[in-house]
Amino acid sequence: MDPVSEAKVSTLLATAATYLGVFATLDPDSISHVISEKKYKHAFAPASLNLPGPFDWAKFVAHLAHLRGLLRGFPVRAKQTWPNPSLNQVVVWADSLAEFHEEVKDGDGDGEEGEDMWEFRGEYMWVLTMDTSGEKVEQVLEFLDSKATDRMRALMARASKRKEEVEGKKVKGVLDI
């Protein structure tokens, strides 16, 4: 690979890693420097999940704020990446662990034996498309594990209900995962 292509791949991978880092804290300010705010679009797949979207930057920020109300974080770990400098893209295969706030947990109910019911591990494929510099994310296509997403929806509903009980007010979300 020529030095220019190597530099581009390095930039794309660094941007992708920074982007995925937002899920550890759910703080949009942590990635605002790698987002093309005016062009940003975030879509979820498969369509059979009936998730809203696509999100623009403002809706994605609201989504993160909703998640932050229920989760301490949602750290994402890239298992494998495939950079494509000619398309300014990185495909990422990743997993995650949801870290719910203690106060929104309503018990340890229906987990498998020896497993915390509130432990949720997800698996994803992301297609991140950057601008021509490779330094700003413009589009995200996030494929979610359908079976795991159904479980996460149930956990989020329980957490929202518990938060409402604790705080005495309705929890509104952008994405009822």
Protein backbone atom coordinates (compact mmCIF):
# COMPACT_ATOMS: atom_id res chain seq x y z
CA MET A 1 0.00 0.00 0.00
CA ASP A 2 1.34 3.44 -0.89
CA PRO A 3 2.01 5.99 1.90
CA VAL A 4 -1.02 8.14 0.97
CA SER A 5 -3.37 5.14 1.19
CA GLU A 6 -1.78 4.04 4.48
CA ALA A 7 -2.31 7.51 5.93
CA LYS A 8 -5.94 7.53 4.75
CA VAL A 9 -6.59 4.10 6.28
CA SER A 10 -5.00 5.24 9.53
CA THR A 11 -7.20 8.36 9.58
CA LEU A 12 -10.37 6.38 8.82
CA LEU A 13 -9.62 3.85 11.57
CA ALA A 14 -8.84 6.59 14.10
CA THR A 15 -12.09 8.39 13.27
CA ALA A 16 -14.07 5.16 13.57
CA ALA A 17 -12.47 4.34 16.94
CA THR A 18 -13.21 7.84 18.24
CA TYR A 19 -16.81 7.60 17.04
CA LEU A 20 -17.42 4.25 18.73
CA GLY A 21 -15.96 5.68 21.93
CA VAL A 22 -19.08 7.81 22.41
CA PHE A 23 -20.97 4.78 23.64
CA ALA A 24 -18.69 4.35 26.68
CA THR A 25 -19.93 7.65 28.13
CA LEU A 26 -22.96 8.46 25.96
CA ASP A 27 -21.62 12.02 25.83
CA PRO A 28 -22.04 13.52 22.34
CA ASP A 29 -19.48 16.23 23.13
CA SER A 30 -16.82 13.50 23.18
CA ILE A 31 -17.25 12.98 19.43
CA SER A 32 -18.48 16.33 18.16
CA HIS A 33 -15.03 16.98 16.65
CA VAL A 34 -15.37 13.92 14.38
CA ILE A 35 -18.96 14.54 13.27
CA SER A 36 -20.14 16.40 10.20
CA GLU A 37 -23.13 17.84 12.08
CA LYS A 38 -24.93 19.24 9.02
CA LYS A 39 -24.57 16.02 6.99
CA TYR A 40 -24.83 13.44 9.79
CA LYS A 41 -27.38 10.66 9.28
CA HIS A 42 -27.73 7.56 11.45
CA ALA A 43 -29.92 4.68 10.32
CA PHE A 44 -30.68 1.35 11.98
CA ALA A 45 -31.14 -2.01 10.30
CA PRO A 46 -32.73 -4.40 9.75
CA ALA A 47 -36.01 -2.69 8.94
CA SER A 48 -37.91 -5.54 10.62
CA LEU A 49 -36.90 -4.05 14.00
CA ASN A 50 -39.11 -1.03 13.24
CA LEU A 51 -36.64 1.40 14.79
CA PRO A 52 -37.04 5.11 14.13
CA GLY A 53 -34.78 7.04 11.85
CA PRO A 54 -32.77 7.99 10.20
CA PHE A 55 -31.50 10.40 12.86
CA ASP A 56 -29.84 13.68 12.08
CA TRP A 57 -27.22 14.95 14.55
CA ALA A 58 -29.77 16.66 16.84
CA LYS A 59 -31.93 13.52 17.07
CA PHE A 60 -28.88 11.35 17.70
CA VAL A 61 -27.80 13.67 20.54
CA ALA A 62 -31.33 13.37 22.01
CA HIS A 63 -31.11 9.58 21.67
CA LEU A 64 -27.81 9.56 23.58
CA ALA A 65 -29.34 11.77 26.30
CA HIS A 66 -32.23 9.31 26.69
CA LEU A 67 -29.82 6.38 26.95
CA ARG A 68 -27.65 8.29 29.44
CA GLY A 69 -30.69 8.59 31.72
CA LEU A 70 -30.86 4.79 31.98
CA LEU A 71 -27.26 3.70 31.36
CA ARG A 72 -23.88 4.70 32.79
CA GLY A 73 -22.44 3.64 29.49
CA PHE A 74 -22.64 1.23 26.63
CA PRO A 75 -18.98 0.53 25.83
CA VAL A 76 -18.46 -0.80 22.32
CA ARG A 77 -15.48 -2.98 21.46
CA ALA A 78 -14.47 -3.37 17.84
CA LYS A 79 -13.81 -7.04 17.11
CA GLN A 80 -12.73 -6.45 13.54
CA THR A 81 -12.57 -3.50 11.15
CA TRP A 82 -12.45 -3.23 7.37
CA PRO A 83 -11.35 0.19 6.12
CA ASN A 84 -12.13 1.16 2.54
CA PRO A 85 -10.26 4.36 1.64
CA SER A 86 -11.75 4.56 -1.86
CA LEU A 87 -15.26 4.86 -0.33
CA ASN A 88 -14.15 6.75 2.81
CA GLN A 89 -15.74 3.97 4.85
CA VAL A 90 -14.97 1.65 7.71
CA VAL A 91 -17.06 -1.43 8.37
CA VAL A 92 -16.89 -2.45 12.02
CA TRP A 93 -17.95 -5.70 13.66
CA ALA A 94 -18.35 -5.01 17.36
CA ASP A 95 -19.86 -6.05 20.63
CA SER A 96 -20.99 -4.07 23.64
CA LEU A 97 -22.00 -4.29 27.27
CA ALA A 98 -24.86 -2.18 28.62
CA GLU A 99 -24.15 -0.66 32.04
CA PHE A 100 -27.49 0.27 33.62
CA HIS A 101 -27.66 2.77 36.46
CA GLU A 102 -28.26 0.89 39.72
CA GLU A 103 -31.33 2.97 40.56
CA VAL A 104 -33.19 1.86 37.40
CA LYS A 105 -32.76 -1.85 38.06
CA ASP A 106 -35.89 -3.45 39.48
CA GLY A 107 -34.33 -6.74 40.58
CA ASP A 108 -32.45 -9.58 38.97
CA GLY A 109 -35.51 -11.50 37.80
CA ASP A 110 -35.27 -13.60 34.68
CA GLY A 111 -31.58 -13.91 33.89
CA GLU A 112 -30.02 -17.27 33.22
CA GLU A 113 -28.71 -19.07 36.28
CA GLY A 114 -25.56 -17.33 37.47
CA GLU A 115 -26.19 -14.37 35.16
CA ASP A 116 -27.27 -10.88 36.15
CA MET A 117 -30.51 -10.24 34.30
CA TRP A 118 -29.36 -6.66 33.74
CA GLU A 119 -26.22 -7.78 31.94
CA PHE A 120 -26.81 -7.14 28.27
CA ARG A 121 -24.28 -7.88 25.59
CA GLY A 122 -25.01 -6.76 22.05
CA GLU A 123 -23.42 -7.45 18.69
CA TYR A 124 -23.38 -5.02 15.79
CA MET A 125 -22.12 -4.21 12.35
CA TRP A 126 -21.52 -0.56 11.56
CA VAL A 127 -20.86 1.02 8.19
CA LEU A 128 -19.30 4.41 8.93
CA THR A 129 -18.94 6.77 5.98
CA MET A 130 -16.63 9.73 6.43
CA ASP A 131 -16.06 12.95 4.51
CA THR A 132 -13.25 13.13 1.94
CA SER A 133 -10.69 13.91 4.65
CA GLY A 134 -11.68 10.78 6.58
CA GLU A 135 -11.86 12.89 9.74
CA LYS A 136 -15.63 13.52 9.98
CA VAL A 137 -18.41 10.93 10.13
CA GLU A 138 -21.25 11.79 7.75
CA GLN A 139 -23.33 8.61 7.69
CA VAL A 140 -23.80 5.63 9.97
CA LEU A 141 -25.64 2.45 9.14
CA GLU A 142 -25.94 0.35 12.30
CA PHE A 143 -27.03 -3.28 12.00
CA LEU A 144 -28.32 -4.69 15.28
CA ASP A 145 -28.76 -8.28 16.43
CA SER A 146 -32.56 -8.66 16.22
CA LYS A 147 -32.91 -11.21 19.01
CA ALA A 148 -30.66 -9.27 21.38
CA THR A 149 -32.40 -6.00 20.50
CA ASP A 150 -35.74 -7.46 21.57
CA ARG A 151 -34.20 -8.30 24.95
CA MET A 152 -32.70 -4.81 25.22
CA ARG A 153 -36.09 -3.26 24.46
CA ALA A 154 -37.56 -5.20 27.38
CA LEU A 155 -34.74 -4.11 29.71
CA MET A 156 -35.07 -0.48 28.61
CA ALA A 157 -38.83 -0.59 29.23
CA ARG A 158 -38.26 -2.00 32.73
CA ALA A 159 -35.54 0.57 33.43
CA SER A 160 -37.79 3.40 32.20
CA LYS A 161 -40.65 2.19 34.39
CA ARG A 162 -38.35 1.98 37.42
CA LYS A 163 -36.94 5.44 36.72
CA GLU A 164 -40.48 6.82 36.54
CA GLU A 165 -41.24 5.22 39.92
CA VAL A 166 -38.07 6.65 41.48
CA GLU A 167 -38.37 10.13 39.97
CA GLY A 168 -42.14 10.38 39.86
CA LYS A 169 -42.26 11.53 36.24
CA LYS A 170 -42.70 9.98 32.81
CA VAL A 171 -39.55 8.98 30.95
CA LYS A 172 -39.65 10.03 27.31
CA GLY A 173 -37.31 8.44 24.84
CA VAL A 174 -36.28 9.06 21.29
CA LEU A 175 -35.65 5.40 20.66
CA ASP A 176 -37.57 2.80 22.54
CA ILE A 177 -35.04 0.06 22.01
